[in-house]
């Protein structure tokens, strides 16, 4: 039972910590982020298993984490507000070619990040070519250009 409680506590703590840390997609992870994730993984493993490294306890911890994750996904489907609280919501960060400075600051983004996404996804070169840019729940930046013509 101790392993189940440890797994639930670690899951909840990591959920809160990653929510506070902000949104990033795997494509946006830096070397520092990867190193941090590896260290967190090792620390989490130590906290979950403690001094007992038995296969039984490891399987129990993994099953507990999966059950919590699946249960949470069902709760997020049923309760939209819970989904918004945990996953966040999409955020408009450029409107009519103008970056929304406060929202960029809150998301810890720079105009260069938006222009990079615009070049990669739409081949756009200037902020004035962007009608809307949206920071999605996944951490990806969606670009909606002005219609050409």
C-alpha atoms as a PDB file:
ATOM      1  CA  UNK A   1       0.000   0.000   0.000  1.00  0.00           C
ATOM      2  CA  UNK A   2       2.933   2.286   0.662  1.00  0.00           C
ATOM      3  CA  UNK A   3       3.991   2.055  -3.003  1.00  0.00           C
ATOM      4  CA  UNK A   4       0.505   3.056  -4.195  1.00  0.00           C
ATOM      5  CA  UNK A   5       0.433   6.105  -1.920  1.00  0.00           C
ATOM      6  CA  UNK A   6       3.961   7.090  -2.958  1.00  0.00           C
ATOM      7  CA  UNK A   7       3.047   6.761  -6.647  1.00  0.00           C
ATOM      8  CA  UNK A   8      -0.103   8.858  -6.220  1.00  0.00           C
ATOM      9  CA  UNK A   9       1.773  11.559  -4.304  1.00  0.00           C
ATOM     10  CA  UNK A  10       4.612  11.731  -6.833  1.00  0.00           C
ATOM     11  CA  UNK A  11       2.135  11.816  -9.736  1.00  0.00           C
ATOM     12  CA  UNK A  12       0.247  14.725  -8.159  1.00  0.00           C
ATOM     13  CA  UNK A  13       3.457  16.604  -7.358  1.00  0.00           C
ATOM     14  CA  UNK A  14       4.835  16.178 -10.890  1.00  0.00           C
ATOM     15  CA  UNK A  15       1.507  17.211 -12.410  1.00  0.00           C
ATOM     16  CA  UNK A  16       1.581  20.481 -10.455  1.00  0.00           C
ATOM     17  CA  UNK A  17       5.279  21.096 -11.138  1.00  0.00           C
ATOM     18  CA  UNK A  18       4.961  20.560 -14.899  1.00  0.00           C
ATOM     19  CA  UNK A  19       1.839  22.758 -14.985  1.00  0.00           C
ATOM     20  CA  UNK A  20       3.789  25.565 -13.305  1.00  0.00           C
ATOM     21  CA  UNK A  21       6.828  25.001 -15.545  1.00  0.00           C
ATOM     22  CA  UNK A  22       4.832  25.813 -18.674  1.00  0.00           C
ATOM     23  CA  UNK A  23       4.022  24.258 -22.015  1.00  0.00           C
ATOM     24  CA  UNK A  24       6.586  22.761 -24.335  1.00  0.00           C
ATOM     25  CA  UNK A  25       6.366  20.224 -27.090  1.00  0.00           C
ATOM     26  CA  UNK A  26       9.005  17.552 -27.547  1.00  0.00           C
ATOM     27  CA  UNK A  27      10.302  19.440 -30.576  1.00  0.00           C
ATOM     28  CA  UNK A  28      10.893  22.509 -28.393  1.00  0.00           C
ATOM     29  CA  UNK A  29      12.817  20.783 -25.616  1.00  0.00           C
ATOM     30  CA  UNK A  30      16.314  22.161 -25.166  1.00  0.00           C
ATOM     31  CA  UNK A  31      19.360  20.245 -23.923  1.00  0.00           C
ATOM     32  CA  UNK A  32      18.767  21.753 -20.485  1.00  0.00           C
ATOM     33  CA  UNK A  33      15.135  20.556 -20.509  1.00  0.00           C
ATOM     34  CA  UNK A  34      16.192  17.034 -21.487  1.00  0.00           C
ATOM     35  CA  UNK A  35      18.813  16.921 -18.733  1.00  0.00           C
ATOM     36  CA  UNK A  36      16.251  18.186 -16.230  1.00  0.00           C
ATOM     37  CA  UNK A  37      13.764  15.484 -17.296  1.00  0.00           C
ATOM     38  CA  UNK A  38      16.399  12.775 -16.890  1.00  0.00           C
ATOM     39  CA  UNK A  39      17.256  13.989 -13.391  1.00  0.00           C
ATOM     40  CA  UNK A  40      13.580  14.245 -12.478  1.00  0.00           C
ATOM     41  CA  UNK A  41      13.066  10.694 -13.764  1.00  0.00           C
ATOM     42  CA  UNK A  42      15.873   9.349 -11.593  1.00  0.00           C
ATOM     43  CA  UNK A  43      14.719  11.283  -8.527  1.00  0.00           C
ATOM     44  CA  UNK A  44      11.157  10.114  -9.109  1.00  0.00           C
ATOM     45  CA  UNK A  45      12.272   6.504  -9.377  1.00  0.00           C
ATOM     46  CA  UNK A  46      14.124   6.788  -6.075  1.00  0.00           C
ATOM     47  CA  UNK A  47      11.122   8.424  -4.378  1.00  0.00           C
ATOM     48  CA  UNK A  48       8.685   5.861  -5.761  1.00  0.00           C
ATOM     49  CA  UNK A  49      10.614   2.721  -4.935  1.00  0.00           C
ATOM     50  CA  UNK A  50      12.544   3.846  -1.871  1.00  0.00           C
ATOM     51  CA  UNK A  51      14.876   1.123  -0.653  1.00  0.00           C
ATOM     52  CA  UNK A  52      12.792  -1.691  -2.170  1.00  0.00           C
ATOM     53  CA  UNK A  53      13.826  -2.391  -5.768  1.00  0.00           C
ATOM     54  CA  UNK A  54      11.697  -5.514  -6.198  1.00  0.00           C
ATOM     55  CA  UNK A  55       9.960  -6.228  -9.493  1.00  0.00           C
ATOM     56  CA  UNK A  56       6.638  -6.527  -7.681  1.00  0.00           C
ATOM     57  CA  UNK A  57       6.897  -3.049  -6.202  1.00  0.00           C
ATOM     58  CA  UNK A  58       8.048  -1.567  -9.527  1.00  0.00           C
ATOM     59  CA  UNK A  59       5.078  -3.137 -11.348  1.00  0.00           C
ATOM     60  CA  UNK A  60       2.705  -1.933  -8.624  1.00  0.00           C
ATOM     61  CA  UNK A  61       4.046   1.624  -8.973  1.00  0.00           C
ATOM     62  CA  UNK A  62       3.747   1.546 -12.781  1.00  0.00           C
ATOM     63  CA  UNK A  63       0.188   0.178 -12.618  1.00  0.00           C
ATOM     64  CA  UNK A  64      -0.746   2.845 -10.066  1.00  0.00           C
ATOM     65  CA  UNK A  65       0.611   5.626 -12.276  1.00  0.00           C
ATOM     66  CA  UNK A  66      -1.228   4.285 -15.324  1.00  0.00           C
ATOM     67  CA  UNK A  67      -4.502   3.935 -13.407  1.00  0.00           C
ATOM     68  CA  UNK A  68      -4.181   7.509 -12.123  1.00  0.00           C
ATOM     69  CA  UNK A  69      -3.425   8.777 -15.633  1.00  0.00           C
ATOM     70  CA  UNK A  70      -6.351   6.921 -17.237  1.00  0.00           C
ATOM     71  CA  UNK A  71      -8.682   7.980 -14.426  1.00  0.00           C
ATOM     72  CA  UNK A  72      -7.604  11.573 -14.779  1.00  0.00           C
ATOM     73  CA  UNK A  73      -8.184  11.462 -18.546  1.00  0.00           C
ATOM     74  CA  UNK A  74     -11.765  10.237 -17.953  1.00  0.00           C
ATOM     75  CA  UNK A  75     -12.331  13.018 -15.402  1.00  0.00           C
ATOM     76  CA  UNK A  76     -10.974  15.615 -17.851  1.00  0.00           C
ATOM     77  CA  UNK A  77     -13.409  14.371 -20.512  1.00  0.00           C
ATOM     78  CA  UNK A  78     -16.333  14.616 -18.129  1.00  0.00           C
ATOM     79  CA  UNK A  79     -15.396  17.915 -16.485  1.00  0.00           C
ATOM     80  CA  UNK A  80     -14.185  20.560 -18.950  1.00  0.00           C
ATOM     81  CA  UNK A  81     -13.076  22.912 -16.191  1.00  0.00           C
ATOM     82  CA  UNK A  82     -10.756  20.245 -14.800  1.00  0.00           C
ATOM     83  CA  UNK A  83      -9.261  19.799 -18.268  1.00  0.00           C
ATOM     84  CA  UNK A  84      -8.695  23.545 -18.555  1.00  0.00           C
ATOM     85  CA  UNK A  85      -7.123  23.625 -15.092  1.00  0.00           C
ATOM     86  CA  UNK A  86      -4.733  20.750 -15.776  1.00  0.00           C
ATOM     87  CA  UNK A  87      -3.998  21.112 -19.486  1.00  0.00           C
ATOM     88  CA  UNK A  88      -4.557  24.845 -19.833  1.00  0.00           C
ATOM     89  CA  UNK A  89      -6.308  26.570 -22.701  1.00  0.00           C
ATOM     90  CA  UNK A  90      -5.216  27.963 -26.024  1.00  0.00           C
ATOM     91  CA  UNK A  91      -3.994  31.558 -25.841  1.00  0.00           C
ATOM     92  CA  UNK A  92      -4.105  34.213 -28.547  1.00  0.00           C
ATOM     93  CA  UNK A  93      -0.626  35.784 -28.682  1.00  0.00           C
ATOM     94  CA  UNK A  94      -0.762  37.785 -31.945  1.00  0.00           C
ATOM     95  CA  UNK A  95      -3.812  39.661 -33.180  1.00  0.00           C
ATOM     96  CA  UNK A  96      -3.976  41.467 -36.518  1.00  0.00           C
ATOM     97  CA  UNK A  97      -0.179  41.358 -36.844  1.00  0.00           C
ATOM     98  CA  UNK A  98       0.437  42.845 -33.377  1.00  0.00           C
ATOM     99  CA  UNK A  99       2.076  40.737 -30.653  1.00  0.00           C
ATOM    100  CA  UNK A 100       0.158  40.808 -27.371  1.00  0.00           C
ATOM    101  CA  UNK A 101       3.077  41.645 -25.081  1.00  0.00           C
ATOM    102  CA  UNK A 102       1.440  40.735 -21.769  1.00  0.00           C
ATOM    103  CA  UNK A 103       0.369  37.296 -23.006  1.00  0.00           C
ATOM    104  CA  UNK A 104       3.801  36.675 -24.534  1.00  0.00           C
ATOM    105  CA  UNK A 105       5.399  37.551 -21.219  1.00  0.00           C
ATOM    106  CA  UNK A 106       3.014  35.261 -19.295  1.00  0.00           C
ATOM    107  CA  UNK A 107       3.846  32.408 -21.693  1.00  0.00           C
ATOM    108  CA  UNK A 108       7.583  33.210 -21.507  1.00  0.00           C
ATOM    109  CA  UNK A 109       7.769  33.624 -25.272  1.00  0.00           C
ATOM    110  CA  UNK A 110       9.532  36.141 -27.482  1.00  0.00           C
ATOM    111  CA  UNK A 111       8.494  37.586 -30.812  1.00  0.00           C
ATOM    112  CA  UNK A 112      11.335  35.561 -32.348  1.00  0.00           C
ATOM    113  CA  UNK A 113       9.576  32.357 -31.232  1.00  0.00           C
ATOM    114  CA  UNK A 114       6.445  33.404 -33.119  1.00  0.00           C
ATOM    115  CA  UNK A 115       8.405  34.349 -36.224  1.00  0.00           C
ATOM    116  CA  UNK A 116      10.205  31.004 -36.107  1.00  0.00           C
ATOM    117  CA  UNK A 117       6.854  29.173 -36.025  1.00  0.00           C
ATOM    118  CA  UNK A 118       5.565  31.412 -38.835  1.00  0.00           C
ATOM    119  CA  UNK A 119       8.585  30.637 -41.037  1.00  0.00           C
ATOM    120  CA  UNK A 120       8.429  26.921 -40.345  1.00  0.00           C
ATOM    121  CA  UNK A 121       4.698  26.418 -40.806  1.00  0.00           C
ATOM    122  CA  UNK A 122       3.656  29.123 -43.279  1.00  0.00           C
ATOM    123  CA  UNK A 123       6.831  30.513 -44.848  1.00  0.00           C
ATOM    124  CA  UNK A 124       6.065  33.965 -43.425  1.00  0.00           C
ATOM    125  CA  UNK A 125       8.851  36.443 -42.737  1.00  0.00           C
ATOM    126  CA  UNK A 126       7.244  39.385 -40.921  1.00  0.00           C
ATOM    127  CA  UNK A 127       4.860  39.855 -38.021  1.00  0.00           C
ATOM    128  CA  UNK A 128       2.645  41.990 -40.289  1.00  0.00           C
ATOM    129  CA  UNK A 129       1.878  38.864 -42.367  1.00  0.00           C
ATOM    130  CA  UNK A 130       0.366  37.100 -39.348  1.00  0.00           C
ATOM    131  CA  UNK A 131      -3.335  37.630 -38.741  1.00  0.00           C
ATOM    132  CA  UNK A 132      -3.399  35.480 -35.601  1.00  0.00           C
ATOM    133  CA  UNK A 133      -0.932  33.371 -33.656  1.00  0.00           C
ATOM    134  CA  UNK A 134      -2.218  31.013 -31.010  1.00  0.00           C
ATOM    135  CA  UNK A 135      -0.276  29.196 -28.319  1.00  0.00           C
ATOM    136  CA  UNK A 136      -2.023  25.834 -28.230  1.00  0.00           C
ATOM    137  CA  UNK A 137      -2.522  23.647 -25.153  1.00  0.00           C
ATOM    138  CA  UNK A 138       0.205  21.380 -26.491  1.00  0.00           C
ATOM    139  CA  UNK A 139       2.740  24.225 -26.471  1.00  0.00           C
ATOM    140  CA  UNK A 140       2.788  24.477 -30.276  1.00  0.00           C
ATOM    141  CA  UNK A 141       2.275  27.874 -31.895  1.00  0.00           C
ATOM    142  CA  UNK A 142      -0.383  27.897 -34.620  1.00  0.00           C
ATOM    143  CA  UNK A 143      -0.105  30.625 -37.243  1.00  0.00           C
ATOM    144  CA  UNK A 144      -3.057  31.980 -39.223  1.00  0.00           C
ATOM    145  CA  UNK A 145      -1.805  34.251 -42.015  1.00  0.00           C
ATOM    146  CA  UNK A 146      -3.717  36.999 -43.748  1.00  0.00           C
ATOM    147  CA  UNK A 147      -5.399  35.656 -46.883  1.00  0.00           C
ATOM    148  CA  UNK A 148      -3.245  36.169 -49.942  1.00  0.00           C
ATOM    149  CA  UNK A 149      -4.665  37.987 -52.893  1.00  0.00           C
END
